[in-house]
Amino acid sequence: MNEPESGYRAALVREAAVLQFKLLVDGLRDAALIPLSLAAAAIGLARGGADADREFRRVIKLGRRSERWINLFGHQTPLHRDYPGGSLDSLLDRVETVVMEQYAKGQSAAEASAAIREVLQEESGESPGAEPGKAAQ
């Protein structure tokens, strides 16, 4: 098989897999924002007043930030590296790097999985080896 052609195919497979994952994350975000926005609107309607839309605007702000984080089609201005979690693109790049390094070393799937968990903990601000959900002190 022609080497350059196989490289193009590998790039296409990677891009398609990344898009599918981003679509899944975007769909989950949308599913979460539906009840959040409805609840925020209901709270504002019940409270009334000049700032009745305060909670609703916070949901909108969360939606915009998450849209930039997901960057579904690559048209969003990337979030700064010091933003918690960076961006989904940077997270996927780091995970891909770890997987490729583990593969090159001939590591087992369990060792690769542990290395990926470590990267995810670093991205979320947790210290490596900490229990999931417990942030570093």
Protein backbone atom coordinates (compact mmCIF):
# COMPACT_ATOMS: atom_id res chain seq x y z
CA MET A 1 0.00 0.00 0.00
CA ASN A 2 1.19 3.50 -0.76
CA GLU A 3 2.59 5.12 2.46
CA PRO A 4 1.36 8.71 1.85
CA GLU A 5 -2.14 7.47 1.03
CA SER A 6 -2.24 5.44 4.26
CA GLY A 7 -1.22 8.61 6.18
CA TYR A 8 -4.14 10.51 4.67
CA ARG A 9 -6.51 7.73 5.62
CA ALA A 10 -5.18 7.64 9.17
CA ALA A 11 -5.65 11.42 9.44
CA LEU A 12 -9.22 11.08 8.15
CA VAL A 13 -10.00 8.33 10.66
CA ARG A 14 -8.59 10.47 13.49
CA GLU A 15 -10.53 13.57 12.41
CA ALA A 16 -13.76 11.57 12.05
CA ALA A 17 -13.29 9.98 15.49
CA VAL A 18 -12.59 13.38 17.10
CA LEU A 19 -15.68 14.89 15.46
CA GLN A 20 -17.88 12.02 16.62
CA PHE A 21 -16.58 12.40 20.18
CA LYS A 22 -17.12 16.17 20.09
CA LEU A 23 -20.66 15.65 18.76
CA LEU A 24 -21.35 13.31 21.66
CA VAL A 25 -19.97 15.79 24.21
CA ASP A 26 -21.92 18.64 22.56
CA GLY A 27 -25.13 16.60 22.67
CA LEU A 28 -24.63 15.80 26.35
CA ARG A 29 -24.00 19.48 27.03
CA ASP A 30 -27.20 20.41 25.20
CA ALA A 31 -29.16 17.78 27.13
CA ALA A 32 -27.87 19.25 30.40
CA LEU A 33 -28.54 22.86 29.38
CA ILE A 34 -32.21 22.23 28.53
CA PRO A 35 -33.39 21.59 32.10
CA LEU A 36 -30.89 24.11 33.53
CA SER A 37 -32.20 26.91 31.31
CA LEU A 38 -35.82 26.03 32.05
CA ALA A 39 -35.17 25.96 35.80
CA ALA A 40 -33.27 29.27 35.64
CA ALA A 41 -36.12 30.90 33.71
CA ALA A 42 -38.68 29.53 36.19
CA ILE A 43 -36.68 30.88 39.14
CA GLY A 44 -36.44 34.28 37.48
CA LEU A 45 -40.16 34.35 36.70
CA ALA A 46 -41.03 33.42 40.28
CA ARG A 47 -38.66 35.99 41.77
CA GLY A 48 -39.39 38.82 39.33
CA GLY A 49 -37.73 42.19 39.63
CA ALA A 50 -35.13 43.97 37.56
CA ASP A 51 -32.67 41.07 37.77
CA ALA A 52 -35.20 38.32 37.06
CA ASP A 53 -32.98 37.00 34.29
CA ARG A 54 -29.85 36.68 36.50
CA GLU A 55 -29.81 32.86 36.65
CA PHE A 56 -30.81 32.56 33.00
CA ARG A 57 -27.88 34.79 31.94
CA ARG A 58 -25.53 32.59 34.00
CA VAL A 59 -26.76 29.53 32.08
CA ILE A 60 -26.17 31.40 28.80
CA LYS A 61 -22.63 32.27 29.95
CA LEU A 62 -22.01 28.62 30.89
CA GLY A 63 -23.28 27.56 27.46
CA ARG A 64 -20.95 29.98 25.68
CA ARG A 65 -17.93 28.85 27.71
CA SER A 66 -18.73 25.19 27.10
CA GLU A 67 -19.17 25.91 23.39
CA ARG A 68 -15.68 27.39 23.29
CA TRP A 69 -14.34 24.44 25.31
CA ILE A 70 -15.84 21.87 22.93
CA ASN A 71 -15.00 23.89 19.78
CA LEU A 72 -17.08 21.49 17.70
CA PHE A 73 -16.07 22.68 14.23
CA GLY A 74 -12.83 24.49 15.12
CA HIS A 75 -14.23 28.02 14.70
CA GLN A 76 -14.18 29.11 18.36
CA THR A 77 -11.37 31.14 19.86
CA PRO A 78 -9.52 28.59 22.00
CA LEU A 79 -9.64 28.98 25.75
CA HIS A 80 -6.39 29.94 27.42
CA ARG A 81 -4.24 27.12 28.75
CA ASP A 82 -4.69 28.34 32.34
CA TYR A 83 -8.47 27.88 32.02
CA PRO A 84 -9.41 24.76 34.00
CA GLY A 85 -9.34 21.87 31.57
CA GLY A 86 -7.91 23.99 28.74
CA SER A 87 -10.09 22.84 25.86
CA LEU A 88 -11.44 19.55 24.62
CA ASP A 89 -8.92 19.73 21.75
CA SER A 90 -5.96 20.05 24.14
CA LEU A 91 -7.33 17.26 26.31
CA LEU A 92 -7.76 14.95 23.32
CA ASP A 93 -4.25 15.83 22.08
CA ARG A 94 -2.75 14.95 25.46
CA VAL A 95 -4.67 11.67 25.65
CA GLU A 96 -3.60 10.79 22.10
CA THR A 97 0.03 11.53 22.96
CA VAL A 98 -0.13 9.28 26.02
CA VAL A 99 -1.75 6.46 24.05
CA MET A 100 0.87 6.69 21.31
CA GLU A 101 3.70 6.75 23.87
CA GLN A 102 2.26 3.74 25.67
CA TYR A 103 1.85 1.91 22.37
CA ALA A 104 5.43 2.69 21.35
CA LYS A 105 6.67 1.35 24.69
CA GLY A 106 4.62 -1.82 24.24
CA GLN A 107 2.65 -1.14 27.41
CA SER A 108 -0.48 -3.09 28.28
CA ALA A 109 -3.98 -1.68 27.99
CA ALA A 110 -4.17 -1.42 31.79
CA GLU A 111 -0.95 0.63 31.89
CA ALA A 112 -2.19 2.86 29.07
CA SER A 113 -5.50 3.31 30.89
CA ALA A 114 -3.66 4.32 34.09
CA ALA A 115 -1.57 6.84 32.13
CA ILE A 116 -4.72 8.32 30.56
CA ARG A 117 -6.37 8.60 34.00
CA GLU A 118 -3.29 10.48 35.20
CA VAL A 119 -3.54 12.95 32.30
CA LEU A 120 -7.25 13.48 32.96
CA GLN A 121 -6.54 14.12 36.64
CA GLU A 122 -3.85 16.65 35.75
CA GLU A 123 -6.24 18.42 33.35
CA SER A 124 -8.96 18.60 36.01
CA GLY A 125 -6.58 19.99 38.63
CA GLU A 126 -6.44 16.84 40.72
CA SER A 127 -3.12 15.51 41.91
CA PRO A 128 -2.06 12.23 40.27
CA GLY A 129 -2.93 9.28 42.48
CA ALA A 130 -5.72 11.19 44.24
CA GLU A 131 -9.13 9.65 44.55
CA PRO A 132 -11.42 10.65 41.66
CA GLY A 133 -13.48 13.70 42.55
CA LYS A 134 -11.02 14.88 45.23
CA ALA A 135 -9.12 17.99 44.12
CA ALA A 136 -5.55 18.62 45.19
CA GLN A 137 -5.21 20.67 48.37
